Amino acid sequence: MTAHLGLASAEVLLARWPALHGDWIPVVHPTLHEVIGLHSALSVATDALHLANHLAAN
């Protein structure tokens, strides 16, 4: 199993678990703190990409 992030300019490999064969639920147990942190990081990254696109268009 792999995790990818699709961006406008490229697709980024985030992680690879070759032995899972699609059954990742017993392996990945994010805590609430980790989920909130990931959401915050993705929000900041999204805002930064929007700002960069806006500045590049002007």
N, C-alpha and C. Protein backbone atom coordinates (compact mmCIF):
# COMPACT_ATOMS: atom_id res chain seq x y z
N MET A 1 0.84 -1.16 0.00
CA MET A 1 0.00 0.00 0.00
C MET A 1 0.89 1.23 0.00
N THR A 2 0.47 2.25 -0.71
CA THR A 2 1.21 3.51 -0.74
C THR A 2 0.26 4.66 -0.48
N ALA A 3 0.81 5.75 0.00
CA ALA A 3 0.05 6.99 0.21
C ALA A 3 0.69 8.06 -0.66
N HIS A 4 -0.12 8.72 -1.47
CA HIS A 4 0.37 9.75 -2.38
C HIS A 4 -0.35 11.06 -2.12
N LEU A 5 0.32 12.17 -2.39
CA LEU A 5 -0.27 13.49 -2.34
C LEU A 5 -0.22 14.06 -3.75
N GLY A 6 -1.37 14.30 -4.34
CA GLY A 6 -1.43 14.84 -5.70
C GLY A 6 -1.40 16.35 -5.69
N LEU A 7 -0.36 16.92 -6.24
CA LEU A 7 -0.23 18.37 -6.37
C LEU A 7 -0.46 18.75 -7.82
N ALA A 8 -0.63 20.03 -8.08
CA ALA A 8 -0.86 20.49 -9.44
C ALA A 8 0.32 20.17 -10.35
N SER A 9 1.53 20.24 -9.81
CA SER A 9 2.72 20.04 -10.64
C SER A 9 3.33 18.65 -10.54
N ALA A 10 2.94 17.89 -9.53
CA ALA A 10 3.55 16.56 -9.35
C ALA A 10 2.74 15.75 -8.35
N GLU A 11 3.02 14.47 -8.31
CA GLU A 11 2.45 13.60 -7.28
C GLU A 11 3.59 13.17 -6.37
N VAL A 12 3.39 13.32 -5.06
CA VAL A 12 4.44 13.05 -4.09
C VAL A 12 4.10 11.77 -3.33
N LEU A 13 5.06 10.87 -3.23
CA LEU A 13 4.90 9.66 -2.43
C LEU A 13 5.12 10.03 -0.96
N LEU A 14 4.09 9.82 -0.15
CA LEU A 14 4.20 10.14 1.27
C LEU A 14 4.73 8.97 2.09
N ALA A 15 4.28 7.75 1.76
CA ALA A 15 4.69 6.58 2.53
C ALA A 15 4.43 5.33 1.72
N ARG A 16 5.12 4.25 2.09
CA ARG A 16 4.93 2.96 1.43
C ARG A 16 4.97 1.87 2.48
N TRP A 17 3.95 1.00 2.43
CA TRP A 17 3.87 -0.15 3.32
C TRP A 17 3.71 -1.39 2.44
N PRO A 18 4.80 -2.02 2.01
CA PRO A 18 4.72 -3.11 1.04
C PRO A 18 4.02 -4.37 1.55
N ALA A 19 4.00 -4.61 2.85
CA ALA A 19 3.44 -5.86 3.36
C ALA A 19 1.97 -5.75 3.78
N LEU A 20 1.34 -4.61 3.63
CA LEU A 20 -0.03 -4.45 4.13
C LEU A 20 -1.08 -5.04 3.20
N HIS A 21 -0.88 -4.96 1.92
CA HIS A 21 -1.83 -5.50 0.95
C HIS A 21 -3.24 -4.93 1.15
N GLY A 22 -3.32 -3.64 1.47
CA GLY A 22 -4.61 -2.96 1.58
C GLY A 22 -5.25 -3.00 2.95
N ASP A 23 -4.71 -3.74 3.89
CA ASP A 23 -5.30 -3.84 5.22
C ASP A 23 -4.51 -2.98 6.19
N TRP A 24 -4.74 -1.66 6.16
CA TRP A 24 -3.94 -0.73 6.95
C TRP A 24 -4.59 -0.36 8.27
N ILE A 25 -5.85 -0.68 8.49
CA ILE A 25 -6.57 -0.23 9.68
C ILE A 25 -5.92 -0.72 10.99
N PRO A 26 -5.50 -1.99 11.11
CA PRO A 26 -4.89 -2.40 12.37
C PRO A 26 -3.52 -1.77 12.62
N VAL A 27 -2.90 -1.23 11.59
CA VAL A 27 -1.54 -0.71 11.72
C VAL A 27 -1.53 0.78 12.05
N VAL A 28 -2.43 1.53 11.45
CA VAL A 28 -2.43 2.98 11.59
C VAL A 28 -3.54 3.39 12.56
N HIS A 29 -3.15 3.93 13.68
CA HIS A 29 -4.11 4.40 14.69
C HIS A 29 -3.71 5.83 15.08
N PRO A 30 -4.10 6.83 14.29
CA PRO A 30 -3.71 8.19 14.66
C PRO A 30 -4.46 8.67 15.89
N THR A 31 -3.77 9.41 16.72
CA THR A 31 -4.42 9.99 17.88
C THR A 31 -5.13 11.27 17.46
N LEU A 32 -6.02 11.74 18.29
CA LEU A 32 -6.73 12.99 18.01
C LEU A 32 -5.74 14.13 17.85
N HIS A 33 -4.71 14.17 18.67
CA HIS A 33 -3.69 15.22 18.59
C HIS A 33 -2.98 15.17 17.22
N GLU A 34 -2.65 13.98 16.75
CA GLU A 34 -1.99 13.84 15.45
C GLU A 34 -2.91 14.27 14.31
N VAL A 35 -4.18 13.93 14.40
CA VAL A 35 -5.12 14.32 13.34
C VAL A 35 -5.30 15.83 13.30
N ILE A 36 -5.41 16.46 14.47
CA ILE A 36 -5.54 17.92 14.52
C ILE A 36 -4.28 18.57 13.98
N GLY A 37 -3.13 18.04 14.32
CA GLY A 37 -1.87 18.58 13.82
C GLY A 37 -1.74 18.45 12.31
N LEU A 38 -2.14 17.30 11.78
CA LEU A 38 -2.10 17.10 10.33
C LEU A 38 -3.05 18.05 9.63
N HIS A 39 -4.24 18.21 10.17
CA HIS A 39 -5.22 19.13 9.58
C HIS A 39 -4.66 20.55 9.57
N SER A 40 -4.05 20.98 10.67
CA SER A 40 -3.46 22.32 10.74
C SER A 40 -2.34 22.49 9.73
N ALA A 41 -1.49 21.49 9.62
CA ALA A 41 -0.39 21.56 8.66
C ALA A 41 -0.89 21.62 7.22
N LEU A 42 -1.90 20.81 6.90
CA LEU A 42 -2.46 20.83 5.55
C LEU A 42 -3.17 22.15 5.26
N SER A 43 -3.80 22.74 6.25
CA SER A 43 -4.45 24.04 6.07
C SER A 43 -3.42 25.12 5.77
N VAL A 44 -2.32 25.13 6.52
CA VAL A 44 -1.26 26.11 6.27
C VAL A 44 -0.65 25.90 4.89
N ALA A 45 -0.40 24.64 4.52
CA ALA A 45 0.17 24.35 3.20
C ALA A 45 -0.77 24.77 2.08
N THR A 46 -2.07 24.54 2.26
CA THR A 46 -3.05 24.93 1.26
C THR A 46 -3.08 26.45 1.11
N ASP A 47 -3.09 27.17 2.23
CA ASP A 47 -3.08 28.63 2.18
C ASP A 47 -1.81 29.15 1.51
N ALA A 48 -0.68 28.52 1.79
CA ALA A 48 0.58 28.93 1.17
C ALA A 48 0.56 28.70 -0.33
N LEU A 49 0.00 27.57 -0.77
CA LEU A 49 -0.09 27.30 -2.20
C LEU A 49 -1.03 28.27 -2.89
N HIS A 50 -2.15 28.61 -2.26
CA HIS A 50 -3.07 29.59 -2.84
C HIS A 50 -2.39 30.95 -2.96
N LEU A 51 -1.65 31.36 -1.93
CA LEU A 51 -0.94 32.63 -1.97
C LEU A 51 0.12 32.62 -3.06
N ALA A 52 0.88 31.53 -3.16
CA ALA A 52 1.91 31.43 -4.20
C ALA A 52 1.30 31.49 -5.59
N ASN A 53 0.19 30.82 -5.79
CA ASN A 53 -0.49 30.86 -7.10
C ASN A 53 -1.01 32.25 -7.40
N HIS A 54 -1.54 32.93 -6.38
CA HIS A 54 -2.04 34.28 -6.57
C HIS A 54 -0.90 35.24 -6.94
N LEU A 55 0.23 35.12 -6.25
CA LEU A 55 1.37 35.99 -6.53
C LEU A 55 1.98 35.70 -7.90
N ALA A 56 1.96 34.42 -8.30
CA ALA A 56 2.52 34.06 -9.60
C ALA A 56 1.65 34.56 -10.74
N ALA A 57 0.35 34.68 -10.50
CA ALA A 57 -0.57 35.14 -11.53
C ALA A 57 -0.50 36.65 -11.75
N ASN A 58 0.00 37.37 -10.76
CA ASN A 58 0.08 38.83 -10.87
C ASN A 58 1.38 39.31 -11.41
